[in-house]
Amino acid sequence: MAIEIKNKKAAFTYFLEDEFVAGIELNGAEIKSIRGGKASIGESYCKFDNNELYVFNMYVEEYRNAGYTPQAPRRQRKLLLNKNELKKLDKKLKNVGITLVPTLMFISKSGYAKLKFRVAKGKKMHDKRATLKEKDIARDLDRSL
């Protein structure tokens, strides 16, 4: 059974561009919570801190059998990328209105937690309305067939 935790609001809220995949640095039993599907990336975002890329506000529920070490469910977690990718992302973030939005968290074949995130630019209200209108038209066409 493949674990995939999606950010469904990302495509509605942002114009999504380039896609990157990074490993996540986890502590203790956080991987067990993710494997159990007890995580959320709905309100999370990525940003640089001291030339390192971190994901903020990603929720990973405390694992019940973790022992005596407490875990912060919404702590910042480091993303593992190589230097060339970090430089490329840093250049893209210099533009105004550009952000990094996580779209999918999954467990790779080798058993590691990975995060897919995309370079994104925020949509205005009229863009969101147009997206909803296109969805409604497509849904009506599917019903009529």
C-alpha atoms as a PDB file:
ATOM      1  CA  MET A   1       0.000   0.000   0.000  1.00  0.00           C
ATOM      2  CA  ALA A   2       1.581   3.262  -1.135  1.00  0.00           C
ATOM      3  CA  ILE A   3       1.388   6.249   1.184  1.00  0.00           C
ATOM      4  CA  GLU A   4       0.627   9.504  -0.633  1.00  0.00           C
ATOM      5  CA  ILE A   5      -0.344  12.641   1.273  1.00  0.00           C
ATOM      6  CA  LYS A   6      -1.538  15.335  -1.128  1.00  0.00           C
ATOM      7  CA  ASN A   7      -2.042  19.084  -0.968  1.00  0.00           C
ATOM      8  CA  LYS A   8      -5.286  19.398  -2.923  1.00  0.00           C
ATOM      9  CA  LYS A   9      -5.572  23.170  -2.537  1.00  0.00           C
ATOM     10  CA  ALA A  10      -2.217  23.899  -4.189  1.00  0.00           C
ATOM     11  CA  ALA A  11      -3.435  23.744  -7.811  1.00  0.00           C
ATOM     12  CA  PHE A  12      -6.447  25.913  -6.973  1.00  0.00           C
ATOM     13  CA  THR A  13      -4.512  28.577  -5.072  1.00  0.00           C
ATOM     14  CA  TYR A  14      -1.320  28.777  -7.185  1.00  0.00           C
ATOM     15  CA  PHE A  15      -0.040  28.635 -10.741  1.00  0.00           C
ATOM     16  CA  LEU A  16       2.312  25.654 -10.433  1.00  0.00           C
ATOM     17  CA  GLU A  17       5.571  25.615 -12.394  1.00  0.00           C
ATOM     18  CA  ASP A  18       8.808  23.608 -11.880  1.00  0.00           C
ATOM     19  CA  GLU A  19       8.695  20.453  -9.770  1.00  0.00           C
ATOM     20  CA  PHE A  20      11.379  19.202  -7.359  1.00  0.00           C
ATOM     21  CA  VAL A  21      11.651  16.111  -5.156  1.00  0.00           C
ATOM     22  CA  ALA A  22      13.552  16.222  -1.865  1.00  0.00           C
ATOM     23  CA  GLY A  23      14.137  13.925   1.058  1.00  0.00           C
ATOM     24  CA  ILE A  24      12.920  15.019   4.491  1.00  0.00           C
ATOM     25  CA  GLU A  25      15.091  14.927   7.601  1.00  0.00           C
ATOM     26  CA  LEU A  26      12.923  13.312  10.288  1.00  0.00           C
ATOM     27  CA  ASN A  27      13.453  12.637  13.991  1.00  0.00           C
ATOM     28  CA  GLY A  28      12.614   9.480  15.887  1.00  0.00           C
ATOM     29  CA  ALA A  29       9.281   7.901  15.160  1.00  0.00           C
ATOM     30  CA  GLU A  30       8.008  10.533  12.709  1.00  0.00           C
ATOM     31  CA  ILE A  31       8.462   8.119   9.796  1.00  0.00           C
ATOM     32  CA  LYS A  32       6.102   5.666  11.516  1.00  0.00           C
ATOM     33  CA  SER A  33       3.418   8.362  11.768  1.00  0.00           C
ATOM     34  CA  ILE A  34       3.864   9.200   8.076  1.00  0.00           C
ATOM     35  CA  ARG A  35       3.629   5.517   7.124  1.00  0.00           C
ATOM     36  CA  GLY A  36       0.399   5.403   9.113  1.00  0.00           C
ATOM     37  CA  GLY A  37      -0.960   8.343   7.097  1.00  0.00           C
ATOM     38  CA  LYS A  38      -1.002  10.649  10.138  1.00  0.00           C
ATOM     39  CA  ALA A  39       0.471  13.705   8.393  1.00  0.00           C
ATOM     40  CA  SER A  40      -0.739  16.763   6.506  1.00  0.00           C
ATOM     41  CA  ILE A  41       0.904  19.227   4.111  1.00  0.00           C
ATOM     42  CA  GLY A  42      -2.197  21.356   3.501  1.00  0.00           C
ATOM     43  CA  GLU A  43      -0.909  24.560   5.118  1.00  0.00           C
ATOM     44  CA  SER A  44       2.821  23.959   4.660  1.00  0.00           C
ATOM     45  CA  TYR A  45       5.352  25.984   2.688  1.00  0.00           C
ATOM     46  CA  CYS A  46       9.098  25.857   1.996  1.00  0.00           C
ATOM     47  CA  LYS A  47      11.631  28.597   2.579  1.00  0.00           C
ATOM     48  CA  PHE A  48      15.355  29.146   2.994  1.00  0.00           C
ATOM     49  CA  ASP A  49      16.960  29.608   6.400  1.00  0.00           C
ATOM     50  CA  ASN A  50      20.779  29.967   6.582  1.00  0.00           C
ATOM     51  CA  ASN A  51      21.229  28.654   3.001  1.00  0.00           C
ATOM     52  CA  GLU A  52      19.284  25.489   3.885  1.00  0.00           C
ATOM     53  CA  LEU A  53      15.791  24.704   2.619  1.00  0.00           C
ATOM     54  CA  TYR A  54      13.153  23.869   5.239  1.00  0.00           C
ATOM     55  CA  VAL A  55       9.493  22.955   5.156  1.00  0.00           C
ATOM     56  CA  PHE A  56       7.422  24.886   7.696  1.00  0.00           C
ATOM     57  CA  ASN A  57       4.024  24.101   9.224  1.00  0.00           C
ATOM     58  CA  MET A  58       3.967  20.483   8.010  1.00  0.00           C
ATOM     59  CA  TYR A  59       1.933  18.430  10.477  1.00  0.00           C
ATOM     60  CA  VAL A  60       3.172  15.002  11.582  1.00  0.00           C
ATOM     61  CA  GLU A  61       1.162  13.500  14.435  1.00  0.00           C
ATOM     62  CA  GLU A  62       3.069  12.240  17.467  1.00  0.00           C
ATOM     63  CA  TYR A  63       3.588   8.499  17.295  1.00  0.00           C
ATOM     64  CA  ARG A  64       1.769   6.867  20.203  1.00  0.00           C
ATOM     65  CA  ASN A  65       4.522   4.354  21.040  1.00  0.00           C
ATOM     66  CA  ALA A  66       7.434   6.772  20.574  1.00  0.00           C
ATOM     67  CA  GLY A  67       8.608   6.565  24.173  1.00  0.00           C
ATOM     68  CA  TYR A  68       9.631   9.400  26.419  1.00  0.00           C
ATOM     69  CA  THR A  69      10.980  11.862  23.823  1.00  0.00           C
ATOM     70  CA  PRO A  70       8.372  14.497  22.980  1.00  0.00           C
ATOM     71  CA  GLN A  71       7.843  15.540  19.361  1.00  0.00           C
ATOM     72  CA  ALA A  72       6.674  18.893  18.054  1.00  0.00           C
ATOM     73  CA  PRO A  73       4.033  18.110  15.406  1.00  0.00           C
ATOM     74  CA  ARG A  74       4.564  21.331  13.403  1.00  0.00           C
ATOM     75  CA  ARG A  75       8.321  21.849  13.726  1.00  0.00           C
ATOM     76  CA  GLN A  76      10.426  22.924  10.744  1.00  0.00           C
ATOM     77  CA  ARG A  77      12.029  20.030   8.887  1.00  0.00           C
ATOM     78  CA  LYS A  78      15.092  20.218   6.668  1.00  0.00           C
ATOM     79  CA  LEU A  79      14.768  19.240   3.011  1.00  0.00           C
ATOM     80  CA  LEU A  80      17.640  17.291   1.503  1.00  0.00           C
ATOM     81  CA  LEU A  81      18.729  18.625  -1.905  1.00  0.00           C
ATOM     82  CA  ASN A  82      22.088  18.970  -3.621  1.00  0.00           C
ATOM     83  CA  LYS A  83      23.868  22.329  -3.940  1.00  0.00           C
ATOM     84  CA  ASN A  84      22.960  22.907  -7.594  1.00  0.00           C
ATOM     85  CA  GLU A  85      19.255  22.460  -6.887  1.00  0.00           C
ATOM     86  CA  LEU A  86      19.482  24.779  -3.865  1.00  0.00           C
ATOM     87  CA  LYS A  87      21.159  27.488  -5.971  1.00  0.00           C
ATOM     88  CA  LYS A  88      18.547  27.145  -8.713  1.00  0.00           C
ATOM     89  CA  LEU A  89      15.712  27.459  -6.183  1.00  0.00           C
ATOM     90  CA  ASP A  90      17.349  30.428  -4.457  1.00  0.00           C
ATOM     91  CA  LYS A  91      17.552  32.280  -7.793  1.00  0.00           C
ATOM     92  CA  LYS A  92      13.885  31.576  -8.529  1.00  0.00           C
ATOM     93  CA  LEU A  93      12.804  32.819  -5.094  1.00  0.00           C
ATOM     94  CA  LYS A  94      14.430  36.206  -5.721  1.00  0.00           C
ATOM     95  CA  ASN A  95      11.452  37.061  -7.972  1.00  0.00           C
ATOM     96  CA  VAL A  96       8.535  38.794  -6.285  1.00  0.00           C
ATOM     97  CA  GLY A  97       5.456  36.641  -5.680  1.00  0.00           C
ATOM     98  CA  ILE A  98       7.219  33.289  -6.087  1.00  0.00           C
ATOM     99  CA  THR A  99       6.960  30.648  -3.364  1.00  0.00           C
ATOM    100  CA  LEU A 100       7.627  26.936  -2.897  1.00  0.00           C
ATOM    101  CA  VAL A 101       4.504  24.867  -2.246  1.00  0.00           C
ATOM    102  CA  PRO A 102       4.559  21.177  -1.211  1.00  0.00           C
ATOM    103  CA  THR A 103       2.163  19.164  -3.364  1.00  0.00           C
ATOM    104  CA  LEU A 104       2.814  15.535  -2.396  1.00  0.00           C
ATOM    105  CA  MET A 105       4.527  13.589   0.384  1.00  0.00           C
ATOM    106  CA  PHE A 106       5.224   9.922  -0.266  1.00  0.00           C
ATOM    107  CA  ILE A 107       7.354   6.974   0.803  1.00  0.00           C
ATOM    108  CA  SER A 108       9.929   6.002  -1.846  1.00  0.00           C
ATOM    109  CA  LYS A 109      10.685   2.419  -2.902  1.00  0.00           C
ATOM    110  CA  SER A 110      13.736   2.479  -0.641  1.00  0.00           C
ATOM    111  CA  GLY A 111      11.567   3.402   2.371  1.00  0.00           C
ATOM    112  CA  TYR A 112      12.477   7.078   2.760  1.00  0.00           C
ATOM    113  CA  ALA A 113       9.980   9.926   3.129  1.00  0.00           C
ATOM    114  CA  LYS A 114      10.086  12.278   0.123  1.00  0.00           C
ATOM    115  CA  LEU A 115       8.406  15.609  -0.531  1.00  0.00           C
ATOM    116  CA  LYS A 116       7.404  16.849  -3.983  1.00  0.00           C
ATOM    117  CA  PHE A 117       7.159  20.600  -4.094  1.00  0.00           C
ATOM    118  CA  ARG A 118       6.677  23.105  -6.878  1.00  0.00           C
ATOM    119  CA  VAL A 119       7.695  26.637  -7.653  1.00  0.00           C
ATOM    120  CA  ALA A 120       4.421  28.561  -7.557  1.00  0.00           C
ATOM    121  CA  LYS A 121       2.955  31.985  -8.124  1.00  0.00           C
ATOM    122  CA  GLY A 122      -0.240  33.006  -6.323  1.00  0.00           C
ATOM    123  CA  LYS A 123      -3.528  33.309  -8.200  1.00  0.00           C
ATOM    124  CA  LYS A 124      -5.736  36.356  -7.994  1.00  0.00           C
ATOM    125  CA  MET A 125      -9.433  36.004  -7.155  1.00  0.00           C
ATOM    126  CA  HIS A 126     -10.555  36.216 -10.791  1.00  0.00           C
ATOM    127  CA  ASP A 127      -8.109  33.430 -11.721  1.00  0.00           C
ATOM    128  CA  LYS A 128      -9.624  31.203  -9.036  1.00  0.00           C
ATOM    129  CA  ARG A 129     -13.121  31.936 -10.353  1.00  0.00           C
ATOM    130  CA  ALA A 130     -12.018  30.997 -13.863  1.00  0.00           C
ATOM    131  CA  THR A 131     -10.590  27.721 -12.555  1.00  0.00           C
ATOM    132  CA  LEU A 132     -13.891  26.901 -10.825  1.00  0.00           C
ATOM    133  CA  LYS A 133     -15.810  27.750 -13.986  1.00  0.00           C
ATOM    134  CA  GLU A 134     -13.621  25.434 -16.086  1.00  0.00           C
ATOM    135  CA  LYS A 135     -14.113  22.631 -13.544  1.00  0.00           C
ATOM    136  CA  ASP A 136     -17.897  23.070 -13.641  1.00  0.00           C
ATOM    137  CA  ILE A 137     -17.966  23.011 -17.454  1.00  0.00           C
ATOM    138  CA  ALA A 138     -15.825  19.862 -17.562  1.00  0.00           C
ATOM    139  CA  ARG A 139     -18.049  18.188 -14.956  1.00  0.00           C
ATOM    140  CA  ASP A 140     -21.212  19.056 -16.920  1.00  0.00           C
ATOM    141  CA  LEU A 141     -19.693  17.662 -20.130  1.00  0.00           C
ATOM    142  CA  ASP A 142     -18.808  14.414 -18.341  1.00  0.00           C
ATOM    143  CA  ARG A 143     -22.360  14.087 -17.025  1.00  0.00           C
ATOM    144  CA  SER A 144     -23.916  14.619 -20.440  1.00  0.00           C
ATOM    145  CA  LEU A 145     -21.848  11.846 -22.035  1.00  0.00           C
END
